[in-house]
Protein backbone atom coordinates (compact mmCIF):
# COMPACT_ATOMS: atom_id res chain seq x y z
CA UNK A 1 -22.53 -4.84 21.05
CA UNK A 2 -20.82 -6.76 18.23
CA UNK A 3 -17.38 -5.60 17.13
CA UNK A 4 -17.15 -3.57 13.97
CA UNK A 5 -15.46 -5.02 10.88
CA UNK A 6 -12.45 -2.79 10.29
CA UNK A 7 -10.43 -3.07 7.04
CA UNK A 8 -7.44 -0.71 6.96
CA UNK A 9 -5.91 -1.21 3.49
CA UNK A 10 -7.59 -0.78 0.09
CA UNK A 11 -6.91 0.74 -3.32
CA UNK A 12 -8.97 2.61 -5.88
CA UNK A 13 -8.34 3.59 -9.50
CA UNK A 14 -6.24 6.48 -8.19
CA UNK A 15 -3.45 3.93 -7.87
CA UNK A 16 -3.59 0.28 -8.91
CA UNK A 17 -7.18 -0.64 -8.08
CA UNK A 18 -9.99 -0.96 -10.60
CA UNK A 19 -12.84 0.67 -8.63
CA UNK A 20 -13.57 4.35 -8.28
CA UNK A 21 -13.54 5.47 -4.63
CA UNK A 22 -17.35 5.56 -4.69
CA UNK A 23 -17.52 2.03 -6.07
CA UNK A 24 -15.07 0.87 -3.42
CA UNK A 25 -17.24 2.33 -0.66
CA UNK A 26 -20.31 0.63 -2.13
CA UNK A 27 -18.45 -2.70 -2.26
CA UNK A 28 -17.27 -2.28 1.33
CA UNK A 29 -20.81 -1.58 2.48
CA UNK A 30 -22.12 -4.63 0.62
CA UNK A 31 -19.40 -6.74 2.25
CA UNK A 32 -20.48 -5.65 5.71
CA UNK A 33 -17.37 -3.60 6.42
CA UNK A 34 -17.99 -0.86 9.00
CA UNK A 35 -14.65 0.98 8.84
CA UNK A 36 -12.54 1.13 5.68
CA UNK A 37 -9.24 2.88 4.96
CA UNK A 38 -8.53 4.13 1.44
CA UNK A 39 -4.76 3.83 1.08
CA UNK A 40 -3.80 4.44 -2.52
CA UNK A 41 -0.14 4.35 -3.47
CA UNK A 42 1.56 7.72 -2.94
CA UNK A 43 -1.61 9.80 -3.34
CA UNK A 44 -4.61 11.09 -1.42
CA UNK A 45 -6.46 12.03 -4.64
CA UNK A 46 -9.38 9.66 -4.00
CA UNK A 47 -10.23 10.77 -0.48
CA UNK A 48 -12.68 13.54 -1.42
CA UNK A 49 -14.73 11.21 -3.64
CA UNK A 50 -14.69 8.50 -0.98
CA UNK A 51 -15.82 11.06 1.60
CA UNK A 52 -18.82 11.97 -0.52
CA UNK A 53 -19.68 8.32 -1.02
CA UNK A 54 -19.58 7.50 2.69
CA UNK A 55 -22.51 9.81 3.41
CA UNK A 56 -25.59 7.95 4.60
CA UNK A 57 -23.94 4.52 4.67
CA UNK A 58 -23.28 4.42 8.42
CA UNK A 59 -19.69 3.55 7.58
CA UNK A 60 -16.48 5.26 8.66
CA UNK A 61 -13.70 6.25 6.26
CA UNK A 62 -10.08 6.32 7.41
CA UNK A 63 -8.05 8.58 5.08
CA UNK A 64 -4.61 7.19 4.35
CA UNK A 65 -1.87 6.37 1.87
CA UNK A 66 0.48 3.52 1.08
CA UNK A 67 3.84 5.24 0.78
CA UNK A 68 6.55 3.65 -1.35
CA UNK A 69 9.89 3.12 0.36
CA UNK A 70 13.05 1.08 -0.01
CA UNK A 71 15.56 -0.77 2.12
CA UNK A 72 19.18 -1.13 1.07
CA UNK A 73 21.24 -3.84 2.75
CA UNK A 74 24.70 -2.74 3.92
CA UNK A 75 26.40 -5.07 1.43
CA UNK A 76 28.50 -4.22 -1.65
CA UNK A 77 26.32 -4.27 -4.74
CA UNK A 78 23.10 -4.86 -2.79
CA UNK A 79 19.92 -4.15 -4.77
CA UNK A 80 17.33 -1.92 -3.03
CA UNK A 81 14.24 -3.81 -1.88
CA UNK A 82 10.83 -2.22 -2.30
CA UNK A 83 8.68 -1.92 0.82
CA UNK A 84 5.41 -0.14 1.55
CA UNK A 85 4.23 1.79 4.60
CA UNK A 86 0.60 2.55 5.35
CA UNK A 87 0.18 6.10 6.61
CA UNK A 88 -3.20 6.20 8.34
CA UNK A 89 -4.87 9.51 9.24
CA UNK A 90 -2.11 11.69 7.82
CA UNK A 91 -2.56 15.43 7.36
CA UNK A 92 -3.15 15.66 3.63
CA UNK A 93 -1.93 19.25 3.58
CA UNK A 94 1.41 18.58 5.26
CA UNK A 95 3.98 20.23 2.98
CA UNK A 96 6.68 17.59 3.48
CA UNK A 97 4.30 14.72 2.74
CA UNK A 98 2.73 16.46 -0.27
CA UNK A 99 6.16 17.17 -1.76
CA UNK A 100 7.39 13.60 -1.24
CA UNK A 101 4.26 12.07 -2.77
CA UNK A 102 4.64 14.34 -5.81
CA UNK A 103 8.30 13.41 -6.16
CA UNK A 104 7.50 9.69 -6.06
CA UNK A 105 4.63 10.03 -8.57
CA UNK A 106 6.82 12.05 -10.98
CA UNK A 107 9.54 9.41 -10.83
CA UNK A 108 6.96 6.65 -11.27
CA UNK A 109 5.66 8.36 -14.43
CA UNK A 110 9.17 8.74 -15.88
CA UNK A 111 9.90 5.10 -15.05
CA UNK A 112 6.68 3.90 -16.66
CA UNK A 113 7.43 5.79 -19.89
CA UNK A 114 10.85 4.13 -20.05
CA UNK A 115 9.30 0.71 -19.45
CA UNK A 116 6.78 1.28 -22.23
CA UNK A 117 9.62 2.27 -24.60
CA UNK A 118 11.41 -0.99 -23.82
CA UNK A 119 8.23 -3.06 -24.10
CA UNK A 120 7.31 -1.45 -27.43
CA UNK A 121 10.23 -3.28 -29.05
CA UNK A 122 8.42 -6.59 -28.50
CA UNK A 123 4.77 -5.63 -27.85
CA UNK A 124 2.19 -3.40 -29.53
CA UNK A 125 1.95 -0.77 -26.81
CA UNK A 126 2.33 3.02 -26.53
CA UNK A 127 2.62 5.52 -23.71
CA UNK A 128 -0.57 7.27 -24.86
CA UNK A 129 -2.50 4.01 -24.41
CA UNK A 130 -1.10 3.46 -20.93
CA UNK A 131 -1.64 7.06 -19.86
CA UNK A 132 -5.18 6.98 -21.21
CA UNK A 133 -6.08 4.25 -18.72
CA UNK A 134 -5.13 6.33 -15.69
CA UNK A 135 -7.51 8.46 -13.66
CA UNK A 136 -6.54 12.14 -13.38
CA UNK A 137 -4.14 12.46 -10.45
CA UNK A 138 -3.57 8.71 -10.23
CA UNK A 139 -0.23 7.24 -9.24
CA UNK A 140 1.33 5.57 -12.32
CA UNK A 141 2.24 1.93 -11.84
CA UNK A 142 2.96 -1.32 -13.64
CA UNK A 143 -0.72 -2.40 -13.41
CA UNK A 144 -1.53 0.38 -15.89
CA UNK A 145 0.81 -1.25 -18.39
CA UNK A 146 -0.64 -4.64 -17.57
CA UNK A 147 -4.16 -3.50 -18.41
CA UNK A 148 -3.12 -2.52 -21.93
CA UNK A 149 -1.28 -5.79 -22.49
CA UNK A 150 -4.26 -7.77 -21.18
CA UNK A 151 -6.70 -5.84 -23.39
CA UNK A 152 -4.57 -6.73 -26.43
CA UNK A 153 -4.56 -10.41 -25.56
CA UNK A 154 -0.93 -10.80 -24.54
CA UNK A 155 -1.79 -12.02 -21.04
CA UNK A 156 -4.96 -13.37 -19.37
CA UNK A 157 -4.63 -11.32 -16.18
CA UNK A 158 -2.43 -9.04 -14.09
CA UNK A 159 -0.69 -11.92 -12.30
CA UNK A 160 0.43 -13.41 -15.60
CA UNK A 161 1.75 -10.06 -16.83
CA UNK A 162 3.65 -9.50 -13.59
CA UNK A 163 5.10 -13.00 -13.69
CA UNK A 164 6.60 -12.44 -17.13
CA UNK A 165 6.93 -9.10 -18.93
CA UNK A 166 6.55 -6.94 -15.82
CA UNK A 167 8.79 -8.91 -13.46
CA UNK A 168 10.84 -6.72 -11.12
CA UNK A 169 13.95 -8.59 -12.26
CA UNK A 170 12.90 -8.77 -15.90
CA UNK A 171 14.19 -7.40 -19.18
CA UNK A 172 11.75 -4.47 -19.30
CA UNK A 173 11.91 -3.38 -15.66
CA UNK A 174 13.01 0.10 -14.64
CA UNK A 175 13.33 1.02 -10.94
CA UNK A 176 11.78 4.19 -9.53
CA UNK A 177 12.70 6.56 -6.73
CA UNK A 178 11.38 5.92 -3.24
CA UNK A 179 12.64 7.25 0.09
CA UNK A 180 14.56 5.02 2.46
CA UNK A 181 12.26 3.28 4.93
CA UNK A 182 13.47 5.28 7.93
CA UNK A 183 12.76 8.50 6.03
CA UNK A 184 9.29 7.31 4.98
CA UNK A 185 8.43 6.54 8.60
CA UNK A 186 9.60 10.00 9.60
CA UNK A 187 7.54 11.71 6.89
CA UNK A 188 4.34 9.91 7.88
CA UNK A 189 4.88 10.57 11.58
CA UNK A 190 5.68 14.26 10.98
CA UNK A 191 2.36 14.50 9.08
CA UNK A 192 0.52 13.29 12.17
CA UNK A 193 -0.13 9.86 10.70
CA UNK A 194 0.21 6.36 12.09
CA UNK A 195 2.86 4.32 10.25
CA UNK A 196 2.05 0.64 9.71
CA UNK A 197 4.49 -1.58 7.80
CA UNK A 198 2.42 -3.21 5.04
CA UNK A 199 2.51 -6.99 4.44
CA UNK A 200 6.02 -7.36 5.97
CA UNK A 201 6.38 -11.16 5.69
CA UNK A 202 5.16 -12.14 2.26
CA UNK A 203 6.67 -15.12 0.56
CA UNK A 204 6.27 -13.69 -2.93
CA UNK A 205 7.79 -10.24 -2.57
CA UNK A 206 10.60 -8.68 -0.62
CA UNK A 207 10.16 -7.16 2.81
CA UNK A 208 12.12 -4.92 5.09
CA UNK A 209 13.66 -7.84 6.98
CA UNK A 210 14.38 -11.55 6.66
CA UNK A 211 11.88 -13.07 9.07
CA UNK A 212 13.76 -16.35 9.20
CA UNK A 213 16.48 -14.57 11.20
CA UNK A 214 16.72 -15.20 14.99
CA UNK A 215 13.91 -13.48 16.90
CA UNK A 216 16.24 -11.37 19.04
CA UNK A 217 17.92 -10.02 15.91
CA UNK A 218 14.54 -9.15 14.41
CA UNK A 219 13.42 -7.40 17.57
CA UNK A 220 16.62 -5.36 17.60
CA UNK A 221 16.18 -4.44 13.92
CA UNK A 222 12.53 -3.50 14.32
CA UNK A 223 13.47 -1.35 17.31
CA UNK A 224 15.31 0.95 14.90
CA UNK A 225 12.14 1.36 12.86
CA UNK A 226 10.11 2.01 16.01
CA UNK A 227 12.54 4.78 16.96
CA UNK A 228 11.91 6.33 13.53
CA UNK A 229 8.12 6.27 13.98
CA UNK A 230 6.89 2.76 13.17
CA UNK A 231 3.65 2.22 15.09
CA UNK A 232 2.45 -1.15 13.86
CA UNK A 233 2.62 -4.16 11.60
CA UNK A 234 0.06 -5.41 9.08
CA UNK A 235 0.11 -9.05 10.15
CA UNK A 236 -3.26 -10.43 9.06
CA UNK A 237 -2.77 -10.16 5.30
CA UNK A 238 -3.29 -12.95 2.81
CA UNK A 239 0.26 -12.72 1.43
CA UNK A 240 2.10 -12.98 4.75
CA UNK A 241 3.35 -16.52 5.35
CA UNK A 242 2.06 -18.41 8.40
CA UNK A 243 5.58 -18.65 9.83
CA UNK A 244 6.06 -14.96 9.15
CA UNK A 245 2.83 -14.07 10.95
CA UNK A 246 3.93 -16.00 14.04
CA UNK A 247 7.27 -14.19 14.12
CA UNK A 248 5.61 -10.82 13.58
CA UNK A 249 3.21 -11.41 16.48
CA UNK A 250 6.18 -12.09 18.75
CA UNK A 251 7.90 -8.92 17.56
CA UNK A 252 4.73 -6.86 18.00
CA UNK A 253 4.17 -8.22 21.50
CA UNK A 254 7.76 -7.52 22.54
CA UNK A 255 7.79 -3.97 21.17
CA UNK A 256 4.19 -2.99 21.94
CA UNK A 257 3.27 -2.50 18.29
CA UNK A 258 -0.22 -2.14 16.87
CA UNK A 259 -1.38 -5.20 14.90
CA UNK A 260 -3.61 -4.68 11.88
CA UNK A 261 -5.48 -6.95 9.51
CA UNK A 262 -6.79 -5.93 6.10
CA UNK A 263 -7.77 -7.03 2.64
CA UNK A 264 -5.44 -4.92 0.47
CA UNK A 265 -8.42 -4.76 -1.90
CA UNK A 266 -7.73 -3.87 -5.55
CA UNK A 267 -11.15 -4.43 -7.13
CA UNK A 268 -11.06 -6.99 -9.92
CA UNK A 269 -7.28 -6.74 -10.35
CA UNK A 270 -6.60 -9.10 -7.45
CA UNK A 271 -8.59 -11.78 -5.67
CA UNK A 272 -8.47 -9.96 -2.33
CA UNK A 273 -11.97 -9.32 -0.97
CA UNK A 274 -12.97 -6.48 1.31
CA UNK A 275 -13.19 -7.57 4.93
CA UNK A 276 -11.34 -10.86 4.42
CA UNK A 277 -8.96 -9.78 7.21
CA UNK A 278 -9.81 -7.18 9.82
CA UNK A 279 -8.33 -5.14 12.66
CA UNK A 280 -9.56 -5.46 16.24
CA UNK A 281 -11.36 -2.63 18.02
CA UNK A 282 -8.53 -2.47 20.55
CA UNK A 283 -5.86 -1.87 17.94
CA UNK A 284 -8.07 0.49 15.93
CA UNK A 285 -8.55 2.60 19.06
CA UNK A 286 -4.76 2.59 19.53
CA UNK A 287 -4.43 4.05 16.03
CA UNK A 288 -6.99 6.77 16.80
CA UNK A 289 -5.27 7.72 20.04
CA UNK A 290 -1.92 8.07 18.27
CA UNK A 291 -3.03 10.01 15.16
CA UNK A 292 -2.83 13.80 15.13
CA UNK A 293 -2.98 14.53 11.39
CA UNK A 294 -6.59 13.73 10.51
CA UNK A 295 -9.71 12.14 11.96
CA UNK A 296 -11.90 9.29 10.68
CA UNK A 297 -14.84 10.47 8.59
CA UNK A 298 -18.44 9.50 9.35
CA UNK A 299 -21.26 11.44 7.68
């Protein structure tokens, strides 16, 4: 029997993707994906729609989130680095998780309003325009600003907007609240989910650790995350560097971590295609055996 194609990271319009959950499921089916996880940023709002869309497709839906977190180096004046943790098969009714997601979304909305106020000095943009492009219950994010700026002809695409006006170190940037990484791992684990560190070795954006450090140091550092609930690493991701992937495989082997591969699909807002990277049956089964919060959905 051929192995299933398992993609454990994707986004809908309930965060920074362009597709509705139903459209995402249709795209996944057309791409030959058998198992897909919907992991919107800091929200489970799209899961019900995705569940309805999965009916009759023969596919399996893995409910999940991509929880925002941050790492702060123990150095004077260090700037927090943004990291993301996939929480697969979490209990969507867990009070601690629900409260933390709401707190993050509220802070994201406040941050986005402040960014729009700063941008409005130099660009024709308003908060009402940005808010009008969000689905009800969606997690507010910089891509929602980007869509307005693109529609008005300021930038050709999201990448261009993020490289200039929406840079994390740029004039208009405003940081938002996110829990420390150790706390995020704890929240996901307490909700019965399986915590996978998302794209940990990208060259373009910051990660939890410097993967050019000596391997033994990395193993020791990752051990602290494992103690807090880290179950796996998203290694097969288009933005991880090749050197980073090699280091991560060594870390995963040493610590017995689950290894995942995924597309990080965002619809037409990124070039990532569903099923371009996948997770093995062996590691998918390891996720299922560890999860206690929710079960995969097949209808």
